[in-house]
Amino acid sequence: METFVCEGSNDLGATFTNLDIKVHYGPDDDTAVMATPKGPSYRTGSDVVLRCSSVSSPAAQIQWARNGTLMGREEPELKLENVQPSQSGGYSCWAKNTKTGKNVQSKPLYIRVSQTGLSDGDIAGIVIGSVLAVVALIAILLLVLGFRCQPSKGFYRKTSTETDSP
């Protein structure tokens, strides 16, 4: 709320009065859903907290939807405890300002709950580790079997007894 001092005057005199103005706005078009911990992949049984962020005065009323269907949950945070694969999908929030009448839906935030218990990072680590193990095994086999790396044809390496000639 902003207070303004207004002056009114005429030939008979002047008077001052305070005028309080309250501006209603929002919710903004940048309404968004954020997850903690950051996803998009989660293990079965973990806890996920979704937050709806919206700039609005007065504060927006929030409704949650999964895959476009309202869930009947109306708070800024949506706590998903002991998540299961059936809870995978796109979560969005609807923010409504009762004074401006504006209603905004966020873009969906997609989460995936895996049954295997492996996150995308775990799978990437396994793949990278496997590739490194295969490369190391090939290098060991080459050494055991007596293979040596030789310069390619056309390359020449000087020995310490050779000199440069003009």
N, C-alpha and C. Protein backbone atom coordinates (compact mmCIF):
# COMPACT_ATOMS: atom_id res chain seq x y z
N MET A 1 0.85 -1.16 0.00
CA MET A 1 0.00 0.00 0.00
C MET A 1 0.89 1.23 0.00
N GLU A 2 0.59 2.15 -0.86
CA GLU A 2 1.32 3.40 -0.97
C GLU A 2 0.45 4.55 -0.46
N THR A 3 1.06 5.45 0.30
CA THR A 3 0.34 6.62 0.81
C THR A 3 0.82 7.86 0.06
N PHE A 4 -0.13 8.61 -0.46
CA PHE A 4 0.17 9.85 -1.16
C PHE A 4 -0.46 11.00 -0.38
N VAL A 5 0.23 12.14 -0.37
CA VAL A 5 -0.32 13.35 0.25
C VAL A 5 -0.88 14.21 -0.87
N CYS A 6 -2.15 14.53 -0.76
CA CYS A 6 -2.81 15.33 -1.79
C CYS A 6 -3.18 16.70 -1.22
N GLU A 7 -3.05 17.71 -2.07
CA GLU A 7 -3.39 19.06 -1.68
C GLU A 7 -4.54 19.55 -2.55
N GLY A 8 -5.52 20.07 -1.90
CA GLY A 8 -6.63 20.69 -2.62
C GLY A 8 -6.69 22.16 -2.21
N SER A 9 -6.83 23.03 -3.19
CA SER A 9 -6.86 24.46 -2.83
C SER A 9 -7.78 25.23 -3.76
N ASN A 10 -8.25 26.38 -3.25
CA ASN A 10 -9.02 27.34 -4.03
C ASN A 10 -8.79 28.71 -3.41
N ASP A 11 -9.58 29.71 -3.80
CA ASP A 11 -9.38 31.06 -3.28
C ASP A 11 -9.63 31.17 -1.78
N LEU A 12 -10.38 30.25 -1.23
CA LEU A 12 -10.71 30.31 0.19
C LEU A 12 -9.66 29.64 1.07
N GLY A 13 -8.78 28.83 0.49
CA GLY A 13 -7.76 28.16 1.31
C GLY A 13 -7.31 26.85 0.68
N ALA A 14 -6.55 26.12 1.47
CA ALA A 14 -5.99 24.85 1.01
C ALA A 14 -6.17 23.80 2.09
N THR A 15 -6.23 22.58 1.67
CA THR A 15 -6.32 21.47 2.62
C THR A 15 -5.45 20.32 2.11
N PHE A 16 -4.92 19.56 3.04
CA PHE A 16 -4.09 18.40 2.71
C PHE A 16 -4.75 17.14 3.25
N THR A 17 -4.62 16.07 2.53
CA THR A 17 -5.17 14.79 2.99
C THR A 17 -4.27 13.65 2.53
N ASN A 18 -4.25 12.59 3.28
CA ASN A 18 -3.51 11.39 2.90
C ASN A 18 -4.43 10.48 2.09
N LEU A 19 -3.89 9.93 1.01
CA LEU A 19 -4.65 9.03 0.16
C LEU A 19 -3.88 7.71 0.05
N ASP A 20 -4.48 6.63 0.52
CA ASP A 20 -3.85 5.31 0.44
C ASP A 20 -4.31 4.61 -0.83
N ILE A 21 -3.33 4.14 -1.62
CA ILE A 21 -3.64 3.44 -2.86
C ILE A 21 -3.02 2.06 -2.80
N LYS A 22 -3.82 1.07 -3.05
CA LYS A 22 -3.34 -0.31 -3.10
C LYS A 22 -3.46 -0.79 -4.54
N VAL A 23 -2.31 -1.26 -5.09
CA VAL A 23 -2.28 -1.72 -6.47
C VAL A 23 -2.33 -3.24 -6.48
N HIS A 24 -3.25 -3.78 -7.25
CA HIS A 24 -3.37 -5.23 -7.42
C HIS A 24 -2.80 -5.60 -8.77
N TYR A 25 -1.99 -6.67 -8.79
CA TYR A 25 -1.40 -7.11 -10.05
C TYR A 25 -1.13 -8.61 -9.99
N GLY A 26 -0.90 -9.16 -11.18
CA GLY A 26 -0.51 -10.56 -11.29
C GLY A 26 -1.70 -11.49 -11.34
N PRO A 27 -1.42 -12.76 -11.36
CA PRO A 27 -0.08 -13.35 -11.32
C PRO A 27 0.64 -13.15 -12.65
N ASP A 28 1.98 -13.12 -12.57
CA ASP A 28 2.76 -12.87 -13.78
C ASP A 28 2.76 -14.10 -14.69
N ASP A 29 3.16 -13.88 -15.94
CA ASP A 29 3.18 -14.97 -16.91
C ASP A 29 4.36 -15.91 -16.72
N ASP A 30 5.29 -15.56 -15.81
CA ASP A 30 6.45 -16.40 -15.53
C ASP A 30 6.21 -17.37 -14.38
N THR A 31 4.95 -17.64 -14.07
CA THR A 31 4.64 -18.60 -13.02
C THR A 31 5.32 -19.93 -13.36
N ALA A 32 6.00 -20.52 -12.38
CA ALA A 32 6.80 -21.71 -12.66
C ALA A 32 6.77 -22.70 -11.50
N VAL A 33 7.05 -23.96 -11.82
CA VAL A 33 7.17 -25.03 -10.83
C VAL A 33 8.64 -25.38 -10.70
N MET A 34 9.11 -25.49 -9.45
CA MET A 34 10.49 -25.91 -9.17
C MET A 34 10.46 -27.11 -8.23
N ALA A 35 11.41 -28.02 -8.40
CA ALA A 35 11.45 -29.24 -7.59
C ALA A 35 12.68 -29.26 -6.70
N THR A 36 12.50 -29.81 -5.50
CA THR A 36 13.61 -30.07 -4.58
C THR A 36 13.47 -31.51 -4.10
N PRO A 37 14.49 -32.34 -4.27
CA PRO A 37 15.72 -32.06 -4.99
C PRO A 37 15.44 -31.95 -6.49
N LYS A 38 16.40 -31.33 -7.19
CA LYS A 38 16.23 -31.11 -8.63
C LYS A 38 16.22 -32.45 -9.35
N GLY A 39 15.31 -32.61 -10.29
CA GLY A 39 15.12 -33.87 -11.02
C GLY A 39 15.73 -33.83 -12.39
N PRO A 40 15.15 -34.48 -13.34
CA PRO A 40 13.77 -34.96 -13.40
C PRO A 40 13.58 -36.40 -12.94
N SER A 41 14.67 -37.13 -12.62
CA SER A 41 14.52 -38.54 -12.26
C SER A 41 14.65 -38.72 -10.75
N TYR A 42 13.79 -39.58 -10.21
CA TYR A 42 13.78 -39.86 -8.78
C TYR A 42 13.67 -41.36 -8.56
N ARG A 43 14.20 -41.80 -7.44
CA ARG A 43 14.11 -43.21 -7.07
C ARG A 43 12.78 -43.46 -6.36
N THR A 44 12.25 -44.64 -6.55
CA THR A 44 11.05 -45.05 -5.84
C THR A 44 11.30 -44.90 -4.34
N GLY A 45 10.33 -44.29 -3.64
CA GLY A 45 10.44 -44.13 -2.19
C GLY A 45 11.04 -42.80 -1.74
N SER A 46 11.57 -42.02 -2.67
CA SER A 46 12.15 -40.73 -2.26
C SER A 46 11.05 -39.69 -2.08
N ASP A 47 11.43 -38.57 -1.48
CA ASP A 47 10.50 -37.46 -1.26
C ASP A 47 10.85 -36.31 -2.21
N VAL A 48 9.83 -35.68 -2.77
CA VAL A 48 10.00 -34.58 -3.70
C VAL A 48 9.07 -33.45 -3.26
N VAL A 49 9.59 -32.23 -3.25
CA VAL A 49 8.77 -31.05 -2.92
C VAL A 49 8.72 -30.17 -4.16
N LEU A 50 7.51 -29.87 -4.63
CA LEU A 50 7.29 -28.97 -5.76
C LEU A 50 6.81 -27.63 -5.22
N ARG A 51 7.37 -26.54 -5.77
CA ARG A 51 6.98 -25.19 -5.34
C ARG A 51 6.48 -24.41 -6.54
N CYS A 52 5.38 -23.70 -6.33
CA CYS A 52 4.83 -22.84 -7.37
C CYS A 52 5.29 -21.41 -7.09
N SER A 53 5.96 -20.81 -8.05
CA SER A 53 6.47 -19.46 -7.91
C SER A 53 5.68 -18.52 -8.81
N SER A 54 5.07 -17.49 -8.19
CA SER A 54 4.26 -16.55 -8.95
C SER A 54 4.28 -15.19 -8.26
N VAL A 55 4.46 -14.13 -9.04
CA VAL A 55 4.44 -12.78 -8.49
C VAL A 55 3.03 -12.24 -8.63
N SER A 56 2.43 -11.88 -7.48
CA SER A 56 1.04 -11.45 -7.48
C SER A 56 0.74 -10.67 -6.20
N SER A 57 -0.13 -9.66 -6.32
CA SER A 57 -0.61 -8.94 -5.15
C SER A 57 -2.10 -8.73 -5.31
N PRO A 58 -2.91 -9.27 -4.41
CA PRO A 58 -2.51 -10.10 -3.28
C PRO A 58 -1.94 -11.44 -3.76
N ALA A 59 -1.38 -12.22 -2.82
CA ALA A 59 -0.79 -13.51 -3.16
C ALA A 59 -1.81 -14.36 -3.92
N ALA A 60 -1.31 -15.04 -4.93
CA ALA A 60 -2.18 -15.87 -5.77
C ALA A 60 -2.65 -17.11 -5.02
N GLN A 61 -3.85 -17.54 -5.34
CA GLN A 61 -4.34 -18.83 -4.86
C GLN A 61 -3.80 -19.89 -5.82
N ILE A 62 -3.27 -20.98 -5.27
CA ILE A 62 -2.59 -21.99 -6.06
C ILE A 62 -3.41 -23.28 -6.12
N GLN A 63 -3.47 -23.88 -7.30
CA GLN A 63 -4.04 -25.22 -7.49
C GLN A 63 -3.02 -26.04 -8.27
N TRP A 64 -2.91 -27.32 -7.95
CA TRP A 64 -1.96 -28.21 -8.60
C TRP A 64 -2.66 -29.15 -9.57
N ALA A 65 -1.96 -29.43 -10.67
CA ALA A 65 -2.48 -30.38 -11.68
C ALA A 65 -1.36 -31.35 -12.05
N ARG A 66 -1.75 -32.59 -12.35
CA ARG A 66 -0.80 -33.56 -12.89
C ARG A 66 -1.36 -34.05 -14.21
N ASN A 67 -0.53 -33.94 -15.25
CA ASN A 67 -0.94 -34.32 -16.61
C ASN A 67 -2.23 -33.59 -17.01
N GLY A 68 -2.37 -32.32 -16.57
CA GLY A 68 -3.50 -31.49 -16.95
C GLY A 68 -4.75 -31.64 -16.11
N THR A 69 -4.75 -32.58 -15.15
CA THR A 69 -5.92 -32.81 -14.31
C THR A 69 -5.70 -32.23 -12.92
N LEU A 70 -6.62 -31.37 -12.48
CA LEU A 70 -6.48 -30.78 -11.16
C LEU A 70 -6.49 -31.87 -10.10
N MET A 71 -5.64 -31.69 -9.07
CA MET A 71 -5.44 -32.71 -8.04
C MET A 71 -6.23 -32.43 -6.77
N GLY A 72 -6.85 -31.24 -6.66
CA GLY A 72 -7.56 -30.89 -5.43
C GLY A 72 -6.62 -30.43 -4.33
N ARG A 73 -5.41 -30.07 -4.67
CA ARG A 73 -4.42 -29.57 -3.71
C ARG A 73 -4.25 -28.08 -3.95
N GLU A 74 -4.35 -27.27 -2.89
CA GLU A 74 -4.36 -25.82 -3.04
C GLU A 74 -3.39 -25.14 -2.08
N GLU A 75 -2.11 -25.41 -2.23
CA GLU A 75 -1.10 -24.75 -1.44
C GLU A 75 0.12 -24.47 -2.32
N PRO A 76 0.97 -23.49 -1.93
CA PRO A 76 2.13 -23.15 -2.76
C PRO A 76 3.14 -24.29 -2.90
N GLU A 77 3.19 -25.20 -1.92
CA GLU A 77 4.09 -26.35 -1.99
C GLU A 77 3.28 -27.63 -2.11
N LEU A 78 3.75 -28.51 -2.96
CA LEU A 78 3.14 -29.82 -3.11
C LEU A 78 4.18 -30.84 -2.67
N LYS A 79 3.93 -31.52 -1.55
CA LYS A 79 4.88 -32.50 -1.01
C LYS A 79 4.48 -33.88 -1.49
N LEU A 80 5.39 -34.50 -2.23
CA LEU A 80 5.19 -35.87 -2.71
C LEU A 80 6.11 -36.76 -1.89
N GLU A 81 5.54 -37.54 -0.99
CA GLU A 81 6.34 -38.39 -0.12
C GLU A 81 6.27 -39.84 -0.58
N ASN A 82 7.42 -40.53 -0.48
CA ASN A 82 7.49 -41.95 -0.85
C ASN A 82 6.96 -42.15 -2.28
N VAL A 83 7.53 -41.38 -3.23
CA VAL A 83 7.02 -41.38 -4.60
C VAL A 83 7.11 -42.76 -5.25
N GLN A 84 6.15 -43.02 -6.11
CA GLN A 84 6.05 -44.29 -6.83
C GLN A 84 6.02 -44.01 -8.33
N PRO A 85 6.34 -45.00 -9.15
CA PRO A 85 6.32 -44.79 -10.61
C PRO A 85 4.99 -44.26 -11.13
N SER A 86 3.89 -44.61 -10.47
CA SER A 86 2.58 -44.13 -10.91
C SER A 86 2.43 -42.61 -10.76
N GLN A 87 3.34 -41.96 -10.00
CA GLN A 87 3.29 -40.52 -9.81
C GLN A 87 4.14 -39.76 -10.85
N SER A 88 4.74 -40.48 -11.77
CA SER A 88 5.49 -39.83 -12.84
C SER A 88 4.53 -39.01 -13.70
N GLY A 89 5.01 -37.92 -14.26
CA GLY A 89 4.17 -37.12 -15.14
C GLY A 89 4.54 -35.66 -15.11
N GLY A 90 3.71 -34.84 -15.74
CA GLY A 90 3.91 -33.41 -15.82
C GLY A 90 3.10 -32.69 -14.76
N TYR A 91 3.78 -31.99 -13.85
CA TYR A 91 3.12 -31.25 -12.78
C TYR A 91 3.13 -29.76 -13.11
N SER A 92 1.97 -29.13 -12.99
CA SER A 92 1.86 -27.69 -13.23
C SER A 92 1.01 -27.08 -12.12
N CYS A 93 1.16 -25.77 -11.96
CA CYS A 93 0.33 -25.09 -10.96
C CYS A 93 -0.48 -23.99 -11.66
N TRP A 94 -1.66 -23.77 -11.11
CA TRP A 94 -2.52 -22.68 -11.56
C TRP A 94 -2.46 -21.61 -10.48
N ALA A 95 -2.14 -20.38 -10.87
CA ALA A 95 -2.10 -19.26 -9.93
C ALA A 95 -3.22 -18.29 -10.30
N LYS A 96 -4.07 -17.98 -9.30
CA LYS A 96 -5.20 -17.07 -9.56
C LYS A 96 -5.20 -15.94 -8.54
N ASN A 97 -5.33 -14.71 -9.06
CA ASN A 97 -5.47 -13.54 -8.22
C ASN A 97 -6.95 -13.19 -8.16
N THR A 98 -7.50 -13.23 -6.95
CA THR A 98 -8.94 -13.00 -6.79
C THR A 98 -9.33 -11.54 -7.05
N LYS A 99 -8.38 -10.60 -6.94
CA LYS A 99 -8.69 -9.19 -7.16
C LYS A 99 -8.62 -8.83 -8.65
N THR A 100 -7.59 -9.33 -9.35
CA THR A 100 -7.46 -9.00 -10.77
C THR A 100 -8.25 -9.96 -11.65
N GLY A 101 -8.58 -11.14 -11.10
CA GLY A 101 -9.30 -12.14 -11.87
C GLY A 101 -8.41 -12.92 -12.83
N LYS A 102 -7.11 -12.61 -12.83
CA LYS A 102 -6.19 -13.28 -13.76
C LYS A 102 -5.83 -14.67 -13.23
N ASN A 103 -5.82 -15.63 -14.16
CA ASN A 103 -5.51 -17.03 -13.84
C ASN A 103 -4.43 -17.49 -14.81
N VAL A 104 -3.28 -17.97 -14.30
CA VAL A 104 -2.14 -18.36 -15.13
C VAL A 104 -1.73 -19.79 -14.79
N GLN A 105 -1.48 -20.58 -15.84
CA GLN A 105 -0.98 -21.94 -15.63
C GLN A 105 0.51 -21.97 -15.97
N SER A 106 1.30 -22.61 -15.12
CA SER A 106 2.73 -22.75 -15.38
C SER A 106 2.96 -23.80 -16.47
N LYS A 107 4.16 -23.80 -17.02
CA LYS A 107 4.55 -24.89 -17.90
C LYS A 107 4.73 -26.12 -17.02
N PRO A 108 4.43 -27.31 -17.53
CA PRO A 108 4.58 -28.50 -16.69
C PRO A 108 6.05 -28.82 -16.41
N LEU A 109 6.29 -29.31 -15.21
CA LEU A 109 7.60 -29.84 -14.82
C LEU A 109 7.44 -31.35 -14.79
N TYR A 110 8.21 -32.03 -15.63
CA TYR A 110 8.07 -33.48 -15.74
C TYR A 110 9.00 -34.18 -14.77
N ILE A 111 8.44 -35.13 -14.03
CA ILE A 111 9.25 -35.95 -13.15
C ILE A 111 9.04 -37.41 -13.54
N ARG A 112 10.10 -38.19 -13.34
CA ARG A 112 10.05 -39.62 -13.65
C ARG A 112 10.53 -40.37 -12.41
N VAL A 113 9.72 -41.30 -11.97
CA VAL A 113 10.08 -42.14 -10.83
C VAL A 113 10.40 -43.52 -11.39
N SER A 114 11.64 -43.97 -11.17
CA SER A 114 12.08 -45.23 -11.76
C SER A 114 11.89 -46.39 -10.77
N GLN A 115 11.50 -47.53 -11.29
CA GLN A 115 11.34 -48.74 -10.48
C GLN A 115 12.68 -49.36 -10.17
N THR A 116 13.67 -49.16 -11.05
CA THR A 116 14.97 -49.80 -10.87
C THR A 116 15.77 -49.16 -9.75
N GLY A 117 15.43 -47.95 -9.39
CA GLY A 117 16.19 -47.27 -8.36
C GLY A 117 17.43 -46.58 -8.88
N LEU A 118 17.65 -46.60 -10.19
CA LEU A 118 18.81 -45.94 -10.77
C LEU A 118 18.39 -44.62 -11.40
N SER A 119 19.10 -43.57 -11.01
CA SER A 119 18.82 -42.26 -11.60
C SER A 119 19.58 -42.14 -12.91
N ASP A 120 19.33 -41.08 -13.67
CA ASP A 120 20.06 -40.84 -14.91
C ASP A 120 21.55 -40.73 -14.65
N GLY A 121 21.94 -40.09 -13.54
CA GLY A 121 23.35 -39.96 -13.19
C GLY A 121 23.99 -41.31 -12.89
N ASP A 122 23.25 -42.18 -12.20
CA ASP A 122 23.76 -43.52 -11.91
C ASP A 122 24.01 -44.29 -13.21
N ILE A 123 23.06 -44.21 -14.12
CA ILE A 123 23.18 -44.94 -15.39
C ILE A 123 24.36 -44.39 -16.20
N ALA A 124 24.52 -43.07 -16.24
CA ALA A 124 25.66 -42.48 -16.95
C ALA A 124 26.98 -42.93 -16.34
N GLY A 125 27.05 -42.99 -15.03
CA GLY A 125 28.26 -43.45 -14.35
C GLY A 125 28.59 -44.90 -14.69
N ILE A 126 27.58 -45.74 -14.75
CA ILE A 126 27.79 -47.15 -15.10
C ILE A 126 28.30 -47.27 -16.53
N VAL A 127 27.71 -46.53 -17.45
CA VAL A 127 28.13 -46.58 -18.86
C VAL A 127 29.57 -46.10 -19.00
N ILE A 128 29.92 -44.98 -18.39
CA ILE A 128 31.28 -44.44 -18.49
C ILE A 128 32.28 -45.41 -17.86
N GLY A 129 31.93 -45.94 -16.70
CA GLY A 129 32.82 -46.91 -16.04
C GLY A 129 33.03 -48.15 -16.89
N SER A 130 31.99 -48.63 -17.54
CA SER A 130 32.10 -49.82 -18.39
C SER A 130 33.01 -49.55 -19.59
N VAL A 131 32.86 -48.38 -20.21
CA VAL A 131 33.71 -48.04 -21.36
C VAL A 131 35.17 -47.96 -20.93
N LEU A 132 35.45 -47.33 -19.80
CA LEU A 132 36.82 -47.23 -19.31
C LEU A 132 37.39 -48.61 -18.98
N ALA A 133 36.59 -49.50 -18.43
CA ALA A 133 37.05 -50.85 -18.12
C ALA A 133 37.42 -51.61 -19.39
N VAL A 134 36.63 -51.48 -20.44
CA VAL A 134 36.92 -52.15 -21.72
C VAL A 134 38.21 -51.61 -22.32
N VAL A 135 38.42 -50.30 -22.29
CA VAL A 135 39.64 -49.70 -22.82
C VAL A 135 40.85 -50.19 -22.03
N ALA A 136 40.75 -50.23 -20.71
CA ALA A 136 41.86 -50.72 -19.88
C ALA A 136 42.15 -52.18 -20.17
N LEU A 137 41.12 -53.00 -20.35
CA LEU A 137 41.31 -54.42 -20.66
C LEU A 137 42.01 -54.61 -22.00
N ILE A 138 41.65 -53.85 -23.00
CA ILE A 138 42.30 -53.93 -24.32
C ILE A 138 43.77 -53.52 -24.19
N ALA A 139 44.06 -52.47 -23.45
CA ALA A 139 45.45 -52.03 -23.27
C ALA A 139 46.27 -53.11 -22.58
N ILE A 140 45.74 -53.76 -21.57
CA ILE A 140 46.45 -54.83 -20.85
C ILE A 140 46.70 -56.01 -21.78
N LEU A 141 45.69 -56.39 -22.56
CA LEU A 141 45.86 -57.51 -23.50
C LEU A 141 46.94 -57.21 -24.53
N LEU A 142 46.99 -56.01 -25.05
CA LEU A 142 48.01 -55.63 -26.02
C LEU A 142 49.40 -55.72 -25.40
N LEU A 143 49.55 -55.31 -24.17
CA LEU A 143 50.85 -55.38 -23.50
C LEU A 143 51.26 -56.83 -23.23
N VAL A 144 50.34 -57.65 -22.76
CA VAL A 144 50.62 -59.05 -22.45
C VAL A 144 50.98 -59.82 -23.71
N LEU A 145 50.32 -59.54 -24.80
CA LEU A 145 50.56 -60.25 -26.05
C LEU A 145 51.78 -59.72 -26.81
N GLY A 146 52.40 -58.69 -26.29
CA GLY A 146 53.62 -58.20 -26.88
C GLY A 146 53.47 -57.19 -27.98
N PHE A 147 52.35 -56.63 -28.17
CA PHE A 147 52.17 -55.61 -29.20
C PHE A 147 52.78 -54.30 -28.71
N ARG A 148 53.47 -53.65 -29.60
CA ARG A 148 54.07 -52.37 -29.28
C ARG A 148 53.56 -51.35 -30.30
N CYS A 149 53.44 -50.14 -29.86
CA CYS A 149 53.04 -49.08 -30.76
C CYS A 149 54.27 -48.60 -31.52
N GLN A 150 54.16 -48.49 -32.82
CA GLN A 150 55.25 -48.04 -33.68
C GLN A 150 54.80 -46.76 -34.38
N PRO A 151 55.77 -45.87 -34.68
CA PRO A 151 55.40 -44.66 -35.43
C PRO A 151 54.86 -45.04 -36.79
N SER A 152 53.96 -44.27 -37.27
CA SER A 152 53.40 -44.49 -38.60
C SER A 152 54.46 -44.21 -39.64
N LYS A 153 54.31 -44.82 -40.82
CA LYS A 153 55.23 -44.61 -41.92
C LYS A 153 55.28 -43.13 -42.27
N GLY A 154 56.51 -42.62 -42.48
CA GLY A 154 56.66 -41.21 -42.81
C GLY A 154 57.08 -40.38 -41.62
N PHE A 155 56.94 -40.92 -40.42
CA PHE A 155 57.38 -40.19 -39.23
C PHE A 155 58.78 -40.66 -38.88
N TYR A 156 59.61 -39.77 -38.42
CA TYR A 156 60.98 -40.10 -38.11
C TYR A 156 61.34 -39.45 -36.79
N ARG A 157 61.93 -40.21 -35.90
CA ARG A 157 62.35 -39.68 -34.62
C ARG A 157 63.87 -39.72 -34.55
N LYS A 158 64.47 -38.60 -34.22
CA LYS A 158 65.93 -38.53 -34.15
C LYS A 158 66.41 -39.17 -32.86
N THR A 159 67.53 -39.82 -32.93
CA THR A 159 68.18 -40.33 -31.72
C THR A 159 69.15 -39.29 -31.22
N SER A 160 69.70 -39.46 -30.06
CA SER A 160 70.58 -38.47 -29.48
C SER A 160 71.92 -38.40 -30.20
N THR A 161 72.28 -39.41 -30.99
CA THR A 161 73.58 -39.40 -31.71
C THR A 161 73.48 -38.70 -33.05
N GLU A 162 72.27 -38.48 -33.55
CA GLU A 162 72.10 -37.82 -34.85
C GLU A 162 72.17 -36.33 -34.68
N THR A 163 72.64 -35.66 -35.72
CA THR A 163 72.72 -34.19 -35.69
C THR A 163 71.90 -33.63 -36.82
N ASP A 164 71.57 -32.39 -36.68
CA ASP A 164 70.84 -31.72 -37.76
C ASP A 164 71.80 -31.39 -38.88
N SER A 165 71.41 -31.60 -40.10
CA SER A 165 72.25 -31.20 -41.24
C SER A 165 71.53 -30.12 -42.01
N PRO A 166 72.29 -29.12 -42.50
CA PRO A 166 71.65 -28.01 -43.20
C PRO A 166 71.08 -28.37 -44.54
